[in-house]
Amino acid sequence: MERMGMVIGIAPEHIAEYKRLHAAVWPAVLARLAASNVRNYSIFLREPENLLFGYWEYHGSDYAADMAAIAADPETQRWWTFCGPCQRPLDSRAEGEHWAAMEQVFHVD
């Protein structure tokens, strides 16, 4: 299992909509995440900086293939058309990233 953390900005005028969307994530989107070995997925909001912190645990053996399956899923793509306009990717993110990956520097069970 691999723990993954990521961060992205959120437009302040879209915070309420983003919360509304995530209060009832579409079942097909959740099913695709589960099929792609994503578990224990959480998103946290930090105001007034307007940052979203995402955390998930990856339980698979081919991360690239699982992420490609998520990206190719039509319902997930449609979901992103609603969530994407709310988000503000960080200028410091790596090429090809939407959410900026974070390095884990500490963990304790």
C-alpha atoms as a PDB file:
ATOM      1  CA  MET A   1       0.000   0.000   0.000  1.00  0.00           C
ATOM      2  CA  GLU A   2       1.241   3.464  -0.898  1.00  0.00           C
ATOM      3  CA  ARG A   3       0.002   6.659   0.778  1.00  0.00           C
ATOM      4  CA  MET A   4      -0.476   9.570  -1.582  1.00  0.00           C
ATOM      5  CA  GLY A   5      -0.932  13.254  -0.781  1.00  0.00           C
ATOM      6  CA  MET A   6      -1.737  16.004  -3.250  1.00  0.00           C
ATOM      7  CA  VAL A   7      -2.702  19.676  -3.161  1.00  0.00           C
ATOM      8  CA  ILE A   8      -4.532  22.112  -5.415  1.00  0.00           C
ATOM      9  CA  GLY A   9      -6.062  25.544  -5.039  1.00  0.00           C
ATOM     10  CA  ILE A  10      -9.773  26.254  -5.130  1.00  0.00           C
ATOM     11  CA  ALA A  11     -11.515  29.388  -6.322  1.00  0.00           C
ATOM     12  CA  PRO A  12     -13.211  30.945  -3.285  1.00  0.00           C
ATOM     13  CA  GLU A  13     -16.394  31.576  -5.229  1.00  0.00           C
ATOM     14  CA  HIS A  14     -16.645  27.822  -5.980  1.00  0.00           C
ATOM     15  CA  ILE A  15     -16.104  26.426  -2.474  1.00  0.00           C
ATOM     16  CA  ALA A  16     -19.809  25.943  -1.735  1.00  0.00           C
ATOM     17  CA  GLU A  17     -20.341  24.177  -5.077  1.00  0.00           C
ATOM     18  CA  TYR A  18     -17.315  21.935  -4.539  1.00  0.00           C
ATOM     19  CA  LYS A  19     -18.598  20.946  -1.107  1.00  0.00           C
ATOM     20  CA  ARG A  20     -22.054  20.266  -2.570  1.00  0.00           C
ATOM     21  CA  LEU A  21     -20.595  18.042  -5.293  1.00  0.00           C
ATOM     22  CA  HIS A  22     -18.516  16.056  -2.820  1.00  0.00           C
ATOM     23  CA  ALA A  23     -21.412  15.584  -0.415  1.00  0.00           C
ATOM     24  CA  ALA A  24     -22.887  13.232  -3.039  1.00  0.00           C
ATOM     25  CA  VAL A  25     -20.122  11.870  -5.267  1.00  0.00           C
ATOM     26  CA  TRP A  26     -21.588   9.885  -8.151  1.00  0.00           C
ATOM     27  CA  PRO A  27     -21.616   6.119  -7.513  1.00  0.00           C
ATOM     28  CA  ALA A  28     -19.929   5.387 -10.866  1.00  0.00           C
ATOM     29  CA  VAL A  29     -17.010   7.666  -9.941  1.00  0.00           C
ATOM     30  CA  LEU A  30     -16.617   5.943  -6.579  1.00  0.00           C
ATOM     31  CA  ALA A  31     -16.817   2.527  -8.249  1.00  0.00           C
ATOM     32  CA  ARG A  32     -14.074   3.473 -10.724  1.00  0.00           C
ATOM     33  CA  LEU A  33     -11.812   4.627  -7.889  1.00  0.00           C
ATOM     34  CA  ALA A  34     -12.362   1.345  -6.054  1.00  0.00           C
ATOM     35  CA  ALA A  35     -11.737  -0.685  -9.227  1.00  0.00           C
ATOM     36  CA  SER A  36      -8.478   1.244  -9.656  1.00  0.00           C
ATOM     37  CA  ASN A  37      -7.305   0.260  -6.168  1.00  0.00           C
ATOM     38  CA  VAL A  38      -7.850   3.660  -4.520  1.00  0.00           C
ATOM     39  CA  ARG A  39      -8.911   3.406  -0.878  1.00  0.00           C
ATOM     40  CA  ASN A  40      -9.349   5.733   2.085  1.00  0.00           C
ATOM     41  CA  TYR A  41      -9.690   8.830  -0.126  1.00  0.00           C
ATOM     42  CA  SER A  42     -10.226  12.131   1.697  1.00  0.00           C
ATOM     43  CA  ILE A  43     -10.176  15.770   0.626  1.00  0.00           C
ATOM     44  CA  PHE A  44      -9.620  18.564   3.155  1.00  0.00           C
ATOM     45  CA  LEU A  45     -10.161  22.309   2.680  1.00  0.00           C
ATOM     46  CA  ARG A  46      -7.930  25.012   4.163  1.00  0.00           C
ATOM     47  CA  GLU A  47      -9.343  28.524   4.278  1.00  0.00           C
ATOM     48  CA  PRO A  48      -8.520  31.375   3.910  1.00  0.00           C
ATOM     49  CA  GLU A  49      -5.645  30.085   1.761  1.00  0.00           C
ATOM     50  CA  ASN A  50      -8.203  28.204  -0.346  1.00  0.00           C
ATOM     51  CA  LEU A  51      -6.231  24.982  -0.671  1.00  0.00           C
ATOM     52  CA  LEU A  52      -7.549  21.460  -1.069  1.00  0.00           C
ATOM     53  CA  PHE A  53      -5.446  18.627   0.334  1.00  0.00           C
ATOM     54  CA  GLY A  54      -6.221  15.167  -0.993  1.00  0.00           C
ATOM     55  CA  TYR A  55      -5.097  11.902   0.552  1.00  0.00           C
ATOM     56  CA  TRP A  56      -5.581   8.336  -0.641  1.00  0.00           C
ATOM     57  CA  GLU A  57      -4.075   4.934  -0.276  1.00  0.00           C
ATOM     58  CA  TYR A  58      -3.147   3.011  -3.398  1.00  0.00           C
ATOM     59  CA  HIS A  59      -3.453  -0.763  -3.018  1.00  0.00           C
ATOM     60  CA  GLY A  60      -2.621  -1.897  -6.538  1.00  0.00           C
ATOM     61  CA  SER A  61       0.492  -3.003  -8.377  1.00  0.00           C
ATOM     62  CA  ASP A  62       0.312  -0.888 -11.569  1.00  0.00           C
ATOM     63  CA  TYR A  63      -0.315   2.726 -10.598  1.00  0.00           C
ATOM     64  CA  ALA A  64       0.067   4.110 -14.122  1.00  0.00           C
ATOM     65  CA  ALA A  65      -2.481   1.661 -15.555  1.00  0.00           C
ATOM     66  CA  ASP A  66      -4.941   2.276 -12.733  1.00  0.00           C
ATOM     67  CA  MET A  67      -4.682   6.051 -13.103  1.00  0.00           C
ATOM     68  CA  ALA A  68      -5.109   5.706 -16.891  1.00  0.00           C
ATOM     69  CA  ALA A  69      -8.283   3.676 -16.306  1.00  0.00           C
ATOM     70  CA  ILE A  70      -9.653   6.447 -14.100  1.00  0.00           C
ATOM     71  CA  ALA A  71      -8.764   9.103 -16.680  1.00  0.00           C
ATOM     72  CA  ALA A  72     -10.387   7.098 -19.497  1.00  0.00           C
ATOM     73  CA  ASP A  73     -13.650   6.511 -17.633  1.00  0.00           C
ATOM     74  CA  PRO A  74     -16.505   8.532 -19.248  1.00  0.00           C
ATOM     75  CA  GLU A  75     -18.349   9.175 -15.967  1.00  0.00           C
ATOM     76  CA  THR A  76     -15.152  10.331 -14.267  1.00  0.00           C
ATOM     77  CA  GLN A  77     -14.434  12.615 -17.216  1.00  0.00           C
ATOM     78  CA  ARG A  78     -17.948  14.054 -16.890  1.00  0.00           C
ATOM     79  CA  TRP A  79     -17.430  14.472 -13.105  1.00  0.00           C
ATOM     80  CA  TRP A  80     -14.259  16.427 -13.801  1.00  0.00           C
ATOM     81  CA  THR A  81     -16.206  18.875 -15.991  1.00  0.00           C
ATOM     82  CA  PHE A  82     -18.002  19.956 -12.810  1.00  0.00           C
ATOM     83  CA  CYS A  83     -15.062  19.827 -10.380  1.00  0.00           C
ATOM     84  CA  GLY A  84     -12.328  21.126 -12.670  1.00  0.00           C
ATOM     85  CA  PRO A  85     -13.620  24.699 -13.006  1.00  0.00           C
ATOM     86  CA  CYS A  86     -13.615  24.996  -9.200  1.00  0.00           C
ATOM     87  CA  GLN A  87      -9.946  24.072  -8.913  1.00  0.00           C
ATOM     88  CA  ARG A  88      -6.865  26.243  -9.353  1.00  0.00           C
ATOM     89  CA  PRO A  89      -3.767  24.118 -10.094  1.00  0.00           C
ATOM     90  CA  LEU A  90      -0.589  25.333  -8.413  1.00  0.00           C
ATOM     91  CA  ASP A  91       2.034  27.008 -10.579  1.00  0.00           C
ATOM     92  CA  SER A  92       4.659  24.802  -8.908  1.00  0.00           C
ATOM     93  CA  ARG A  93       3.064  21.485  -9.958  1.00  0.00           C
ATOM     94  CA  ALA A  94       5.048  19.089 -12.125  1.00  0.00           C
ATOM     95  CA  GLU A  95       4.421  18.897 -15.835  1.00  0.00           C
ATOM     96  CA  GLY A  96       1.364  16.770 -16.510  1.00  0.00           C
ATOM     97  CA  GLU A  97      -0.044  17.154 -12.991  1.00  0.00           C
ATOM     98  CA  HIS A  98      -3.392  18.738 -12.180  1.00  0.00           C
ATOM     99  CA  TRP A  99      -3.222  18.157  -8.433  1.00  0.00           C
ATOM    100  CA  ALA A 100       0.372  18.662  -7.249  1.00  0.00           C
ATOM    101  CA  ALA A 101       1.883  15.541  -5.684  1.00  0.00           C
ATOM    102  CA  MET A 102       3.389  15.831  -2.215  1.00  0.00           C
ATOM    103  CA  GLU A 103       6.281  14.001  -0.588  1.00  0.00           C
ATOM    104  CA  GLN A 104       5.478  12.010   2.542  1.00  0.00           C
ATOM    105  CA  VAL A 105       7.928  13.026   5.246  1.00  0.00           C
ATOM    106  CA  PHE A 106       6.373  11.328   8.266  1.00  0.00           C
ATOM    107  CA  HIS A 107       3.927   8.562   9.156  1.00  0.00           C
ATOM    108  CA  VAL A 108       2.997   6.703  12.322  1.00  0.00           C
ATOM    109  CA  ASP A 109       0.311   4.065  12.881  1.00  0.00           C
END
